[in-house]
C-alpha atoms as a PDB file:
ATOM      1  CA  MET A   1     -24.591  -5.057  11.737  1.00  0.00           C
ATOM      2  CA  SER A   2     -22.306  -2.637   9.935  1.00  0.00           C
ATOM      3  CA  ILE A   3     -19.243  -1.047  10.825  1.00  0.00           C
ATOM      4  CA  PRO A   4     -18.497   1.327  12.900  1.00  0.00           C
ATOM      5  CA  ILE A   5     -21.240   0.095  15.182  1.00  0.00           C
ATOM      6  CA  TYR A   6     -21.332   3.610  16.706  1.00  0.00           C
ATOM      7  CA  LYS A   7     -22.524   5.621  13.842  1.00  0.00           C
ATOM      8  CA  LYS A   8     -21.427   9.241  15.416  1.00  0.00           C
ATOM      9  CA  LYS A   9     -17.803   8.057  15.512  1.00  0.00           C
ATOM     10  CA  TYR A  10     -16.872  10.271  12.651  1.00  0.00           C
ATOM     11  CA  ASN A  11     -17.498  13.600  14.400  1.00  0.00           C
ATOM     12  CA  SER A  12     -15.768  12.241  17.724  1.00  0.00           C
ATOM     13  CA  GLU A  13     -12.169  12.833  18.702  1.00  0.00           C
ATOM     14  CA  ALA A  14      -9.810  10.083  19.076  1.00  0.00           C
ATOM     15  CA  VAL A  15      -8.210   9.536  22.651  1.00  0.00           C
ATOM     16  CA  LEU A  16      -4.914   8.270  21.428  1.00  0.00           C
ATOM     17  CA  THR A  17      -3.592  10.295  18.338  1.00  0.00           C
ATOM     18  CA  PRO A  18      -0.422   9.516  16.073  1.00  0.00           C
ATOM     19  CA  LYS A  19       1.169  12.654  17.338  1.00  0.00           C
ATOM     20  CA  LYS A  20       0.558  11.646  20.992  1.00  0.00           C
ATOM     21  CA  PHE A  21       2.167   8.122  20.328  1.00  0.00           C
ATOM     22  CA  LEU A  22       5.057   9.515  18.608  1.00  0.00           C
ATOM     23  CA  GLU A  23       5.706  11.764  21.448  1.00  0.00           C
ATOM     24  CA  TYR A  24       5.694   8.983  23.675  1.00  0.00           C
ATOM     25  CA  ARG A  25       8.007   7.051  21.483  1.00  0.00           C
ATOM     26  CA  LYS A  26      10.424   9.877  21.162  1.00  0.00           C
ATOM     27  CA  LYS A  27      10.740  10.193  24.604  1.00  0.00           C
ATOM     28  CA  ARG A  28      11.775   6.782  24.995  1.00  0.00           C
ATOM     29  CA  ASN A  29      14.331   6.848  22.154  1.00  0.00           C
ATOM     30  CA  GLN A  30      12.119   4.525  19.830  1.00  0.00           C
ATOM     31  CA  VAL A  31      12.257   6.492  16.943  1.00  0.00           C
ATOM     32  CA  ALA A  32      14.561   7.983  15.188  1.00  0.00           C
ATOM     33  CA  ASN A  33      14.651  11.828  14.955  1.00  0.00           C
ATOM     34  CA  ILE A  34      15.321  12.904  11.496  1.00  0.00           C
ATOM     35  CA  LYS A  35      14.182  15.276   8.894  1.00  0.00           C
ATOM     36  CA  MET A  36      11.309  13.698   7.250  1.00  0.00           C
ATOM     37  CA  PRO A  37      11.930  13.002   3.292  1.00  0.00           C
ATOM     38  CA  LYS A  38       9.695  14.008   0.458  1.00  0.00           C
ATOM     39  CA  LEU A  39       8.471  10.662  -0.249  1.00  0.00           C
ATOM     40  CA  ALA A  40       8.074   7.066   1.761  1.00  0.00           C
ATOM     41  CA  ILE A  41       7.599   4.010  -0.101  1.00  0.00           C
ATOM     42  CA  LEU A  42       6.155   0.816   1.850  1.00  0.00           C
ATOM     43  CA  CYS A  43       6.925  -2.644   0.562  1.00  0.00           C
ATOM     44  CA  TYR A  44       4.937  -5.500   1.842  1.00  0.00           C
ATOM     45  CA  ASN A  45       7.419  -7.993   0.087  1.00  0.00           C
ATOM     46  CA  SER A  46      11.026  -7.261   1.432  1.00  0.00           C
ATOM     47  CA  ASN A  47      12.574  -9.994  -0.730  1.00  0.00           C
ATOM     48  CA  PHE A  48      13.162  -7.719  -3.522  1.00  0.00           C
ATOM     49  CA  ILE A  49      15.032  -5.003  -1.464  1.00  0.00           C
ATOM     50  CA  LYS A  50      16.931  -7.483   0.402  1.00  0.00           C
ATOM     51  CA  ASP A  51      20.091  -6.167  -1.337  1.00  0.00           C
ATOM     52  CA  ILE A  52      18.806  -2.358  -0.684  1.00  0.00           C
ATOM     53  CA  LYS A  53      22.202  -1.403   1.033  1.00  0.00           C
ATOM     54  CA  ASN A  54      24.453  -2.593  -1.817  1.00  0.00           C
ATOM     55  CA  ARG A  55      22.523  -0.793  -4.550  1.00  0.00           C
ATOM     56  CA  TYR A  56      21.953   2.561  -2.826  1.00  0.00           C
ATOM     57  CA  ASN A  57      23.650   5.264  -0.462  1.00  0.00           C
ATOM     58  CA  THR A  58      21.454   4.098   2.436  1.00  0.00           C
ATOM     59  CA  GLU A  59      21.044   4.843   6.127  1.00  0.00           C
ATOM     60  CA  MET A  60      19.306   2.570   8.358  1.00  0.00           C
ATOM     61  CA  ILE A  61      16.688   4.320  10.384  1.00  0.00           C
ATOM     62  CA  LYS A  62      15.392   3.433  13.925  1.00  0.00           C
ATOM     63  CA  TRP A  63      11.738   2.643  13.502  1.00  0.00           C
ATOM     64  CA  PRO A  64       9.782   0.336  16.126  1.00  0.00           C
ATOM     65  CA  SER A  65       7.390  -1.480  13.706  1.00  0.00           C
ATOM     66  CA  ALA A  66       9.482  -1.833  10.550  1.00  0.00           C
ATOM     67  CA  LYS A  67      12.827  -2.049   9.004  1.00  0.00           C
ATOM     68  CA  ALA A  68      13.713   1.734   7.496  1.00  0.00           C
ATOM     69  CA  TYR A  69      16.191   2.788   5.123  1.00  0.00           C
ATOM     70  CA  TYR A  70      17.013   6.516   3.960  1.00  0.00           C
ATOM     71  CA  LEU A  71      17.912   6.443   0.522  1.00  0.00           C
ATOM     72  CA  LYS A  72      20.339   9.703   0.681  1.00  0.00           C
ATOM     73  CA  ASP A  73      20.414  10.247  -3.094  1.00  0.00           C
ATOM     74  CA  TYR A  74      16.851  10.353  -3.488  1.00  0.00           C
ATOM     75  CA  ASP A  75      15.376  11.718  -0.266  1.00  0.00           C
ATOM     76  CA  VAL A  76      13.120   8.643   0.241  1.00  0.00           C
ATOM     77  CA  LEU A  77      12.343   6.639   3.092  1.00  0.00           C
ATOM     78  CA  VAL A  78      11.739   3.275   2.358  1.00  0.00           C
ATOM     79  CA  LEU A  79       9.963   0.486   4.822  1.00  0.00           C
ATOM     80  CA  SER A  80       9.562  -3.002   5.045  1.00  0.00           C
ATOM     81  CA  GLU A  81       8.519  -5.969   7.393  1.00  0.00           C
ATOM     82  CA  PHE A  82       5.881  -4.309   9.011  1.00  0.00           C
ATOM     83  CA  GLY A  83       3.431  -7.216   8.535  1.00  0.00           C
ATOM     84  CA  ILE A  84       0.542  -7.414   6.111  1.00  0.00           C
ATOM     85  CA  GLY A  85      -2.950  -6.632   6.090  1.00  0.00           C
ATOM     86  CA  SER A  86      -4.933  -3.506   6.747  1.00  0.00           C
ATOM     87  CA  PRO A  87      -4.450  -2.956  10.655  1.00  0.00           C
ATOM     88  CA  SER A  88      -0.728  -3.052  10.855  1.00  0.00           C
ATOM     89  CA  THR A  89      -0.336  -1.009   7.052  1.00  0.00           C
ATOM     90  CA  ALA A  90      -2.697   1.609   8.639  1.00  0.00           C
ATOM     91  CA  MET A  91      -1.099   2.114  11.816  1.00  0.00           C
ATOM     92  CA  LEU A  92       2.457   2.690  10.154  1.00  0.00           C
ATOM     93  CA  LEU A  93       1.064   5.026   7.786  1.00  0.00           C
ATOM     94  CA  GLU A  94      -0.445   7.153  10.525  1.00  0.00           C
ATOM     95  CA  ASP A  95       2.771   7.149  12.385  1.00  0.00           C
ATOM     96  CA  LEU A  96       4.671   8.138   9.255  1.00  0.00           C
ATOM     97  CA  ILE A  97       2.070  10.878   8.716  1.00  0.00           C
ATOM     98  CA  ALA A  98       2.389  12.153  12.454  1.00  0.00           C
ATOM     99  CA  TYR A  99       6.239  12.524  11.712  1.00  0.00           C
ATOM    100  CA  GLY A 100       5.349  14.824   8.877  1.00  0.00           C
ATOM    101  CA  ILE A 101       5.440  12.745   5.581  1.00  0.00           C
ATOM    102  CA  LYS A 102       2.934  13.672   2.866  1.00  0.00           C
ATOM    103  CA  ASN A 103       3.557  11.531   0.021  1.00  0.00           C
ATOM    104  CA  PHE A 104       3.556   7.670  -0.151  1.00  0.00           C
ATOM    105  CA  ILE A 105       3.682   5.181  -2.646  1.00  0.00           C
ATOM    106  CA  THR A 106       3.008   1.129  -1.603  1.00  0.00           C
ATOM    107  CA  ILE A 107       4.385  -1.432  -3.361  1.00  0.00           C
ATOM    108  CA  GLY A 108       3.084  -4.888  -3.114  1.00  0.00           C
ATOM    109  CA  ASN A 109       1.697  -8.234  -4.375  1.00  0.00           C
ATOM    110  CA  ALA A 110      -1.938  -8.900  -5.670  1.00  0.00           C
ATOM    111  CA  GLY A 111      -3.782 -12.106  -6.585  1.00  0.00           C
ATOM    112  CA  GLY A 112      -5.029 -11.734 -10.290  1.00  0.00           C
ATOM    113  CA  ILE A 113      -8.891 -12.391 -10.405  1.00  0.00           C
ATOM    114  CA  SER A 114      -9.255 -11.180 -14.190  1.00  0.00           C
ATOM    115  CA  ASP A 115      -8.518 -12.876 -17.468  1.00  0.00           C
ATOM    116  CA  LYS A 116      -6.851  -9.760 -18.454  1.00  0.00           C
ATOM    117  CA  VAL A 117      -3.843  -9.959 -16.164  1.00  0.00           C
ATOM    118  CA  ARG A 118      -0.964 -12.489 -15.829  1.00  0.00           C
ATOM    119  CA  VAL A 119       1.604 -13.204 -13.082  1.00  0.00           C
ATOM    120  CA  GLY A 120       4.500 -10.344 -13.345  1.00  0.00           C
ATOM    121  CA  ASP A 121       1.868  -7.829 -14.688  1.00  0.00           C
ATOM    122  CA  ILE A 122       1.960  -4.356 -13.093  1.00  0.00           C
ATOM    123  CA  ILE A 123      -0.982  -2.812 -11.904  1.00  0.00           C
ATOM    124  CA  LEU A 124      -1.858   0.824 -10.942  1.00  0.00           C
ATOM    125  CA  CYS A 125      -4.924   0.632  -8.504  1.00  0.00           C
ATOM    126  CA  ASP A 126      -7.242   3.485  -9.272  1.00  0.00           C
ATOM    127  CA  LYS A 127      -9.781   2.367  -6.978  1.00  0.00           C
ATOM    128  CA  ALA A 128     -10.339  -0.372  -4.053  1.00  0.00           C
ATOM    129  CA  ILE A 129     -13.511  -2.194  -2.895  1.00  0.00           C
ATOM    130  CA  ARG A 130     -13.865  -1.793   0.642  1.00  0.00           C
ATOM    131  CA  ASP A 131     -14.616  -5.365   1.754  1.00  0.00           C
ATOM    132  CA  GLU A 132     -12.562  -5.005   4.907  1.00  0.00           C
ATOM    133  CA  GLY A 133     -12.783  -3.219   8.157  1.00  0.00           C
ATOM    134  CA  VAL A 134     -10.282  -0.345   8.841  1.00  0.00           C
ATOM    135  CA  SER A 135     -11.543   2.012   6.013  1.00  0.00           C
ATOM    136  CA  TYR A 136     -14.897   2.134   8.025  1.00  0.00           C
ATOM    137  CA  HIS A 137     -13.333   4.028  10.836  1.00  0.00           C
ATOM    138  CA  TYR A 138     -11.964   6.540   8.655  1.00  0.00           C
ATOM    139  CA  ILE A 139     -14.694   7.476   6.073  1.00  0.00           C
ATOM    140  CA  LYS A 140     -18.248   6.656   5.812  1.00  0.00           C
ATOM    141  CA  ASP A 141     -19.643   3.854   4.015  1.00  0.00           C
ATOM    142  CA  SER A 142     -19.280   3.554   0.154  1.00  0.00           C
ATOM    143  CA  MET A 143     -18.452   0.764  -2.307  1.00  0.00           C
ATOM    144  CA  TYR A 144     -14.797   2.038  -3.099  1.00  0.00           C
ATOM    145  CA  ALA A 145     -11.874   3.956  -1.764  1.00  0.00           C
ATOM    146  CA  TYR A 146     -10.074   6.201  -3.916  1.00  0.00           C
ATOM    147  CA  PRO A 147      -6.543   7.736  -4.364  1.00  0.00           C
ATOM    148  CA  ARG A 148      -6.477  11.593  -4.710  1.00  0.00           C
ATOM    149  CA  LYS A 149      -6.306  12.542  -8.357  1.00  0.00           C
ATOM    150  CA  VAL A 150      -3.182  14.692  -8.685  1.00  0.00           C
ATOM    151  CA  PHE A 151      -0.550  12.646  -6.920  1.00  0.00           C
ATOM    152  CA  PHE A 152      -1.994   9.445  -8.906  1.00  0.00           C
ATOM    153  CA  ASN A 153      -1.579  11.256 -12.083  1.00  0.00           C
ATOM    154  CA  LYS A 154       1.931  11.842 -11.237  1.00  0.00           C
ATOM    155  CA  VAL A 155       2.701   8.388 -10.754  1.00  0.00           C
ATOM    156  CA  LYS A 156       0.810   7.325 -13.829  1.00  0.00           C
ATOM    157  CA  LYS A 157       2.755   9.709 -15.665  1.00  0.00           C
ATOM    158  CA  HIS A 158       6.059   8.133 -14.405  1.00  0.00           C
ATOM    159  CA  LEU A 159       4.779   4.697 -14.935  1.00  0.00           C
ATOM    160  CA  ASP A 160       3.752   5.628 -18.405  1.00  0.00           C
ATOM    161  CA  LYS A 161       7.324   6.522 -19.398  1.00  0.00           C
ATOM    162  CA  ASN A 162       8.811   3.473 -18.220  1.00  0.00           C
ATOM    163  CA  PHE A 163       6.671   0.421 -18.064  1.00  0.00           C
ATOM    164  CA  GLU A 164       3.798  -1.401 -19.836  1.00  0.00           C
ATOM    165  CA  TYR A 165       1.053  -1.805 -17.119  1.00  0.00           C
ATOM    166  CA  LYS A 166      -2.739  -1.932 -16.263  1.00  0.00           C
ATOM    167  CA  ILE A 167      -5.075   0.596 -14.344  1.00  0.00           C
ATOM    168  CA  GLY A 168      -7.710  -0.723 -12.432  1.00  0.00           C
ATOM    169  CA  ALA A 169      -9.837  -1.732  -9.458  1.00  0.00           C
ATOM    170  CA  SER A 170      -8.747  -3.982  -6.531  1.00  0.00           C
ATOM    171  CA  TRP A 171     -10.970  -5.921  -4.252  1.00  0.00           C
ATOM    172  CA  THR A 172      -9.546  -5.484  -0.647  1.00  0.00           C
ATOM    173  CA  HIS A 173     -10.493  -7.644   2.221  1.00  0.00           C
ATOM    174  CA  ASP A 174      -9.365  -9.065   5.362  1.00  0.00           C
ATOM    175  CA  VAL A 175      -9.199 -12.866   5.088  1.00  0.00           C
ATOM    176  CA  PHE A 176      -6.290 -14.387   2.829  1.00  0.00           C
ATOM    177  CA  TYR A 177      -8.231 -17.948   2.844  1.00  0.00           C
ATOM    178  CA  ARG A 178     -11.710 -16.862   2.419  1.00  0.00           C
ATOM    179  CA  GLU A 179     -11.375 -15.601  -1.295  1.00  0.00           C
ATOM    180  CA  THR A 180     -14.442 -17.771  -2.461  1.00  0.00           C
ATOM    181  CA  VAL A 181     -15.522 -18.922  -6.018  1.00  0.00           C
ATOM    182  CA  ASP A 182     -18.487 -16.854  -6.001  1.00  0.00           C
ATOM    183  CA  GLU A 183     -17.158 -13.950  -4.818  1.00  0.00           C
ATOM    184  CA  ILE A 184     -14.233 -13.955  -7.530  1.00  0.00           C
ATOM    185  CA  ARG A 185     -17.062 -14.648 -10.179  1.00  0.00           C
ATOM    186  CA  TYR A 186     -19.114 -11.707  -8.854  1.00  0.00           C
ATOM    187  CA  TYR A 187     -15.829  -9.024  -9.042  1.00  0.00           C
ATOM    188  CA  LYS A 188     -14.592 -10.359 -12.110  1.00  0.00           C
ATOM    189  CA  LYS A 189     -18.220  -9.489 -13.633  1.00  0.00           C
ATOM    190  CA  LYS A 190     -17.424  -6.030 -12.132  1.00  0.00           C
ATOM    191  CA  GLY A 191     -14.177  -5.840 -14.128  1.00  0.00           C
ATOM    192  CA  VAL A 192     -12.029  -5.922 -10.918  1.00  0.00           C
ATOM    193  CA  LEU A 193      -8.528  -6.901 -11.770  1.00  0.00           C
ATOM    194  CA  THR A 194      -7.024  -7.950  -8.336  1.00  0.00           C
ATOM    195  CA  THR A 195      -7.496  -8.932  -4.828  1.00  0.00           C
ATOM    196  CA  GLU A 196      -5.482  -8.028  -1.784  1.00  0.00           C
ATOM    197  CA  LEU A 197      -5.471  -6.854   1.575  1.00  0.00           C
ATOM    198  CA  GLU A 198      -4.535  -3.329   2.084  1.00  0.00           C
ATOM    199  CA  ALA A 199      -5.702  -0.755  -0.742  1.00  0.00           C
ATOM    200  CA  ALA A 200      -8.988   0.116   0.603  1.00  0.00           C
ATOM    201  CA  SER A 201      -7.478   1.047   3.882  1.00  0.00           C
ATOM    202  CA  VAL A 202      -4.158   2.813   2.653  1.00  0.00           C
ATOM    203  CA  PHE A 203      -6.698   5.201   0.550  1.00  0.00           C
ATOM    204  CA  ALA A 204      -9.074   5.542   3.249  1.00  0.00           C
ATOM    205  CA  VAL A 205      -6.422   6.892   5.949  1.00  0.00           C
ATOM    206  CA  ALA A 206      -4.719   9.055   3.037  1.00  0.00           C
ATOM    207  CA  GLN A 207      -8.183  10.647   2.559  1.00  0.00           C
ATOM    208  CA  TYR A 208      -8.766  11.313   6.215  1.00  0.00           C
ATOM    209  CA  ARG A 209      -5.379  12.705   6.948  1.00  0.00           C
ATOM    210  CA  LYS A 210      -5.109  14.546   3.665  1.00  0.00           C
ATOM    211  CA  VAL A 211      -2.166  13.030   2.363  1.00  0.00           C
ATOM    212  CA  ASN A 212      -1.112  11.639  -1.104  1.00  0.00           C
ATOM    213  CA  VAL A 213      -0.722   7.969  -1.594  1.00  0.00           C
ATOM    214  CA  ALA A 214      -0.374   5.696  -4.703  1.00  0.00           C
ATOM    215  CA  VAL A 215      -0.834   1.870  -4.501  1.00  0.00           C
ATOM    216  CA  VAL A 216       0.932  -0.159  -7.018  1.00  0.00           C
ATOM    217  CA  PHE A 217       0.902  -3.842  -7.403  1.00  0.00           C
ATOM    218  CA  VAL A 218       2.941  -6.778  -9.194  1.00  0.00           C
ATOM    219  CA  VAL A 219       0.644  -9.815  -9.934  1.00  0.00           C
ATOM    220  CA  SER A 220       1.829 -12.860  -7.888  1.00  0.00           C
ATOM    221  CA  ASP A 221      -0.511 -15.450  -8.268  1.00  0.00           C
ATOM    222  CA  SER A 222      -3.767 -15.731 -10.329  1.00  0.00           C
ATOM    223  CA  MET A 223      -7.350 -17.047  -9.408  1.00  0.00           C
ATOM    224  CA  ALA A 224      -9.114 -16.049 -12.685  1.00  0.00           C
ATOM    225  CA  ASP A 225     -10.080 -19.453 -13.593  1.00  0.00           C
ATOM    226  CA  LEU A 226     -11.268 -20.117 -10.214  1.00  0.00           C
ATOM    227  CA  GLU A 227      -8.176 -22.436  -9.176  1.00  0.00           C
ATOM    228  CA  TRP A 228      -5.104 -20.855  -7.356  1.00  0.00           C
ATOM    229  CA  ASN A 229      -2.150 -20.646  -9.769  1.00  0.00           C
ATOM    230  CA  PRO A 230       0.812 -19.374  -7.506  1.00  0.00           C
ATOM    231  CA  GLY A 231       3.530 -17.358  -9.063  1.00  0.00           C
ATOM    232  CA  TRP A 232       5.598 -15.772  -6.277  1.00  0.00           C
ATOM    233  CA  ASP A 233       8.819 -17.100  -7.318  1.00  0.00           C
ATOM    234  CA  LYS A 234       8.638 -16.606 -11.019  1.00  0.00           C
ATOM    235  CA  ARG A 235      11.710 -14.807 -12.248  1.00  0.00           C
ATOM    236  CA  LYS A 236       9.454 -12.601 -14.065  1.00  0.00           C
ATOM    237  CA  LYS A 237       7.609 -11.359 -10.891  1.00  0.00           C
ATOM    238  CA  VAL A 238      10.723 -10.971  -9.029  1.00  0.00           C
ATOM    239  CA  ASN A 239      12.552  -8.840 -11.759  1.00  0.00           C
ATOM    240  CA  THR A 240       9.417  -6.753 -12.053  1.00  0.00           C
ATOM    241  CA  SER A 241       9.177  -5.997  -8.665  1.00  0.00           C
ATOM    242  CA  ASN A 242      12.763  -4.932  -8.444  1.00  0.00           C
ATOM    243  CA  ARG A 243      12.315  -2.604 -11.586  1.00  0.00           C
ATOM    244  CA  VAL A 244       9.361  -0.915 -10.158  1.00  0.00           C
ATOM    245  CA  PHE A 245      10.750  -0.108  -6.920  1.00  0.00           C
ATOM    246  CA  ASP A 246      14.019   1.025  -8.654  1.00  0.00           C
ATOM    247  CA  SER A 247      11.906   3.370 -10.737  1.00  0.00           C
ATOM    248  CA  LEU A 248       9.246   4.842  -8.303  1.00  0.00           C
ATOM    249  CA  ILE A 249      12.063   6.077  -5.716  1.00  0.00           C
ATOM    250  CA  ARG A 250      12.404   8.546  -8.694  1.00  0.00           C
ATOM    251  CA  VAL A 251       8.891  10.051  -8.890  1.00  0.00           C
ATOM    252  CA  GLU A 252       8.768  13.596  -8.645  1.00  0.00           C
ATOM    253  CA  VAL A 253       6.465  14.918  -5.922  1.00  0.00           C
END
């Protein structure tokens, strides 16, 4: 049985919409009433932006499901500590879109499953395998979800000027502890570079809502040799994450 079970879902209106929930939150003073910025950056790992208040001119913004900072000099909203995985990320993205934001970049960790990538490498995701559940509630069944080309190319052009990086596909799924040997072999043969828990859903929500999103990873660990080799705490990885963030807040949108 495939997802969604009710196949006519795509032509049916939702009962609870992000806009309705946003109005509910506003009435209860749960969300800040601010002018929406040109760009929002979602950071799954908040460790590398812990000192954001020391490095930038920031204003902390009230947000019910995340820590949110407005970078005044760049007109960028930065959000972290909203959880990991597709459901929490999709809900946050929906809320921000309802608020009026049109451009997004996510910066996260990804596990390397290709011999071509190493811990600390930067990856710009050009498509994501939909081996999770959330994306199927937004767009019809397909192997991949994709970013919108115009915004993808803007982020690519920016990265071209500032970093050595790779472009490639990622395998998105829902189960951190069920990345099996056979699956890794299978996706390696297809040329997939990384695995993670959110990219396909992020692309699907953005496609459905007609907004822009780019997904950038820093490789945090590797399973390319069919053994887990962690690298979250390696200095190269941590420094690279900081550099990527500091650079991407300057992307022209």
